[in-house]
Protein backbone atom coordinates (compact mmCIF):
# COMPACT_ATOMS: atom_id res chain seq x y z
CA MET A 1 112.90 -58.82 -134.05
CA CYS A 2 111.89 -56.24 -131.47
CA VAL A 3 108.27 -56.26 -130.47
CA SER A 4 106.77 -52.81 -129.46
CA ALA A 5 105.50 -52.54 -125.97
CA SER A 6 101.91 -52.07 -127.18
CA ASN A 7 102.00 -55.29 -129.15
CA TYR A 8 103.57 -57.23 -126.22
CA VAL A 9 100.98 -55.69 -123.78
CA ASN A 10 98.25 -56.96 -126.34
CA ALA A 11 99.72 -60.52 -126.45
CA PHE A 12 100.20 -60.91 -122.83
CA GLU A 13 96.59 -59.73 -122.19
CA GLU A 14 95.31 -62.19 -124.76
CA SER A 15 97.22 -65.29 -123.25
CA ILE A 16 95.78 -64.33 -119.69
CA GLN A 17 92.34 -64.17 -121.12
CA ARG A 18 92.85 -67.60 -123.06
CA CYS A 19 94.42 -69.39 -120.16
CA GLU A 20 91.91 -68.20 -117.55
CA LEU A 21 94.37 -68.92 -114.69
CA VAL A 22 93.81 -67.17 -111.43
CA VAL A 23 97.17 -66.39 -109.90
CA ASP A 24 98.81 -64.11 -107.63
CA GLN A 25 98.62 -60.58 -109.03
CA PHE A 26 102.52 -59.96 -108.29
CA PHE A 27 103.48 -63.32 -110.13
CA THR A 28 101.47 -61.86 -113.12
CA ILE A 29 103.23 -58.63 -113.03
CA ALA A 30 106.81 -60.36 -112.52
CA ARG A 31 105.95 -62.62 -115.50
CA PHE A 32 104.89 -59.60 -117.55
CA ILE A 33 108.07 -57.90 -116.89
CA ARG A 34 110.43 -60.94 -117.38
CA GLY A 35 109.11 -61.11 -120.91
CA LEU A 36 109.54 -57.37 -121.63
CA ARG A 37 112.45 -56.50 -124.08
CA SER A 38 115.66 -55.95 -121.89
CA ASP A 39 115.87 -52.21 -122.82
CA LEU A 40 112.46 -51.49 -121.14
CA LYS A 41 112.67 -54.31 -118.60
CA ARG A 42 115.19 -52.44 -116.49
CA ASP A 43 113.21 -49.16 -116.22
CA VAL A 44 109.98 -50.91 -115.56
CA THR A 45 111.50 -52.95 -112.65
CA LEU A 46 112.84 -49.91 -111.10
CA SER A 47 109.32 -48.55 -110.57
CA SER A 48 107.06 -49.87 -108.01
CA LEU A 49 103.99 -51.78 -109.41
CA CYS A 50 100.71 -52.79 -107.60
CA THR A 51 98.71 -53.75 -110.46
CA LEU A 52 99.08 -55.19 -113.83
CA ASP A 53 97.50 -52.33 -115.68
CA GLU A 54 100.40 -50.04 -114.01
CA ALA A 55 102.93 -52.33 -115.41
CA TYR A 56 101.19 -52.22 -118.96
CA HIS A 57 101.20 -48.24 -118.59
CA ASN A 58 104.67 -48.27 -117.27
CA ALA A 59 106.16 -50.06 -120.18
CA LEU A 60 104.23 -48.23 -122.80
CA GLU A 61 105.56 -44.99 -121.15
CA VAL A 62 109.27 -46.20 -120.92
CA GLU A 63 109.25 -47.14 -124.52
CA LYS A 64 107.88 -43.61 -125.57
CA LEU A 65 110.52 -42.08 -123.50
CA HIS A 66 113.24 -44.50 -125.10
CA LYS A 67 112.07 -43.21 -128.54
CA LEU A 68 112.18 -39.53 -127.46
CA VAL A 69 115.51 -39.59 -125.94
CA PRO A 70 117.60 -42.71 -127.53
CA VAL A 71 120.20 -43.93 -124.99
CA LYS A 72 123.73 -43.27 -126.41
CA HIS A 73 126.68 -44.62 -124.85
CA SER A 74 129.68 -42.29 -125.08
CA THR A 75 133.04 -43.55 -125.82
CA LEU A 76 134.71 -40.33 -124.49
CA PRO A 77 136.60 -40.68 -121.14
CA THR A 78 134.73 -39.15 -118.20
CA MET A 79 136.45 -36.67 -115.58
CA SER A 80 136.23 -37.07 -111.84
CA PRO A 81 135.18 -34.18 -109.74
CA THR A 82 138.64 -33.59 -108.79
CA GLN A 83 140.11 -33.35 -112.47
CA VAL A 84 137.19 -30.86 -113.18
CA ALA A 85 137.99 -28.77 -110.31
CA SER A 86 141.78 -28.68 -111.08
CA LYS A 87 141.08 -27.35 -114.62
CA ALA A 88 138.85 -24.52 -113.09
């Protein structure tokens, strides 16, 4: 089952409030990212995050982008720049 980024953000925020743990901000961000769906995790990890709110926002934006532009893996062979130049 795929959990939406907004549902995950809400659940993560609730768990932080319930536990009332005081931990390092960067540890919390890392923990948030580790729980993301794998299709979102890579793109969120690539950005520089300073706050948990930035991580939340970034995950939601990445999910929106993935819905607009679905990632398709091509089965067509790719051509190297030299192959392209030789055909021209």
